[in-house]
Amino acid sequence: MAHMVEEVGGEIGVTQAARKMEVTLDYVYSLVRAGRLRARKVDGRWLISVAAIEERLAARRGEE
């Protein structure tokens, strides 16, 4: 199911990323901390690469 997300420069916030990936916020933060999801911190807010999310979703579909 596709979700409408606010995309800025190919990046979205953690909440939007969790919705798009259909996982919890804690899981997204754990992926970011582990370096398994490309993200950067801007003004105290994590921005996550939409391309990285799409890659993770594609990999997950391949595992099913």
C-alpha atoms as a PDB file:
ATOM      1  CA  MET A   1       0.000   0.000   0.000  1.00  0.00           C
ATOM      2  CA  ALA A   2       1.506   3.335  -1.033  1.00  0.00           C
ATOM      3  CA  HIS A   3       1.545   6.176   1.461  1.00  0.00           C
ATOM      4  CA  MET A   4       1.572   9.879   0.738  1.00  0.00           C
ATOM      5  CA  VAL A   5       4.738  11.341   2.209  1.00  0.00           C
ATOM      6  CA  GLU A   6       6.267  14.775   2.278  1.00  0.00           C
ATOM      7  CA  GLU A   7       9.464  14.491   0.282  1.00  0.00           C
ATOM      8  CA  VAL A   8      12.114  17.189   0.403  1.00  0.00           C
ATOM      9  CA  GLY A   9      15.140  16.813  -1.859  1.00  0.00           C
ATOM     10  CA  GLY A  10      14.742  13.051  -2.067  1.00  0.00           C
ATOM     11  CA  GLU A  11      14.513  12.701   1.712  1.00  0.00           C
ATOM     12  CA  ILE A  12      11.695  12.256   4.208  1.00  0.00           C
ATOM     13  CA  GLY A  13      11.375  12.365   7.986  1.00  0.00           C
ATOM     14  CA  VAL A  14      11.503   9.360  10.288  1.00  0.00           C
ATOM     15  CA  THR A  15       7.743   9.234  10.835  1.00  0.00           C
ATOM     16  CA  GLN A  16       7.053   9.222   7.113  1.00  0.00           C
ATOM     17  CA  ALA A  17       9.769   6.609   6.579  1.00  0.00           C
ATOM     18  CA  ALA A  18       8.222   4.333   9.217  1.00  0.00           C
ATOM     19  CA  ARG A  19       4.819   4.654   7.545  1.00  0.00           C
ATOM     20  CA  LYS A  20       6.225   3.979   4.097  1.00  0.00           C
ATOM     21  CA  MET A  21       8.153   0.944   5.360  1.00  0.00           C
ATOM     22  CA  GLU A  22       5.226  -0.190   7.562  1.00  0.00           C
ATOM     23  CA  VAL A  23       7.492  -0.524  10.603  1.00  0.00           C
ATOM     24  CA  THR A  24       7.818   1.240  13.964  1.00  0.00           C
ATOM     25  CA  LEU A  25       9.698   4.452  14.607  1.00  0.00           C
ATOM     26  CA  ASP A  26      12.028   2.536  16.924  1.00  0.00           C
ATOM     27  CA  TYR A  27      12.925   0.146  14.117  1.00  0.00           C
ATOM     28  CA  VAL A  28      13.709   3.016  11.724  1.00  0.00           C
ATOM     29  CA  TYR A  29      15.914   4.669  14.357  1.00  0.00           C
ATOM     30  CA  SER A  30      17.703   1.356  14.950  1.00  0.00           C
ATOM     31  CA  LEU A  31      18.398   1.008  11.212  1.00  0.00           C
ATOM     32  CA  VAL A  32      19.761   4.560  11.089  1.00  0.00           C
ATOM     33  CA  ARG A  33      21.968   4.045  14.173  1.00  0.00           C
ATOM     34  CA  ALA A  34      23.316   0.781  12.734  1.00  0.00           C
ATOM     35  CA  GLY A  35      24.126   2.494   9.430  1.00  0.00           C
ATOM     36  CA  ARG A  36      21.718   0.225   7.574  1.00  0.00           C
ATOM     37  CA  LEU A  37      19.531   3.085   6.341  1.00  0.00           C
ATOM     38  CA  ARG A  38      21.039   6.223   4.789  1.00  0.00           C
ATOM     39  CA  ALA A  39      20.049   9.274   6.782  1.00  0.00           C
ATOM     40  CA  ARG A  40      21.427  12.605   7.868  1.00  0.00           C
ATOM     41  CA  LYS A  41      20.604  14.941  10.697  1.00  0.00           C
ATOM     42  CA  VAL A  42      19.582  18.480   9.783  1.00  0.00           C
ATOM     43  CA  ASP A  43      18.643  20.992  12.476  1.00  0.00           C
ATOM     44  CA  GLY A  44      18.016  18.161  14.936  1.00  0.00           C
ATOM     45  CA  ARG A  45      15.774  16.221  12.543  1.00  0.00           C
ATOM     46  CA  TRP A  46      16.710  12.991  10.804  1.00  0.00           C
ATOM     47  CA  LEU A  47      16.114  12.967   7.060  1.00  0.00           C
ATOM     48  CA  ILE A  48      16.125   9.604   5.346  1.00  0.00           C
ATOM     49  CA  SER A  49      16.901   8.971   1.716  1.00  0.00           C
ATOM     50  CA  VAL A  50      13.805   7.877  -0.200  1.00  0.00           C
ATOM     51  CA  ALA A  51      16.078   5.836  -2.474  1.00  0.00           C
ATOM     52  CA  ALA A  52      17.447   3.965   0.563  1.00  0.00           C
ATOM     53  CA  ILE A  53      13.915   3.203   1.733  1.00  0.00           C
ATOM     54  CA  GLU A  54      12.983   1.911  -1.717  1.00  0.00           C
ATOM     55  CA  GLU A  55      16.112  -0.294  -1.702  1.00  0.00           C
ATOM     56  CA  ARG A  56      15.190  -1.772   1.701  1.00  0.00           C
ATOM     57  CA  LEU A  57      11.603  -2.389   0.583  1.00  0.00           C
ATOM     58  CA  ALA A  58      12.798  -4.078  -2.623  1.00  0.00           C
ATOM     59  CA  ALA A  59      15.190  -6.277  -0.618  1.00  0.00           C
ATOM     60  CA  ARG A  60      12.408  -7.166   1.802  1.00  0.00           C
ATOM     61  CA  ARG A  61      10.114  -8.134  -1.092  1.00  0.00           C
ATOM     62  CA  GLY A  62      12.892 -10.379  -2.371  1.00  0.00           C
ATOM     63  CA  GLU A  63      13.064 -12.144   1.016  1.00  0.00           C
ATOM     64  CA  GLU A  64       9.368 -12.992   1.079  1.00  0.00           C
END
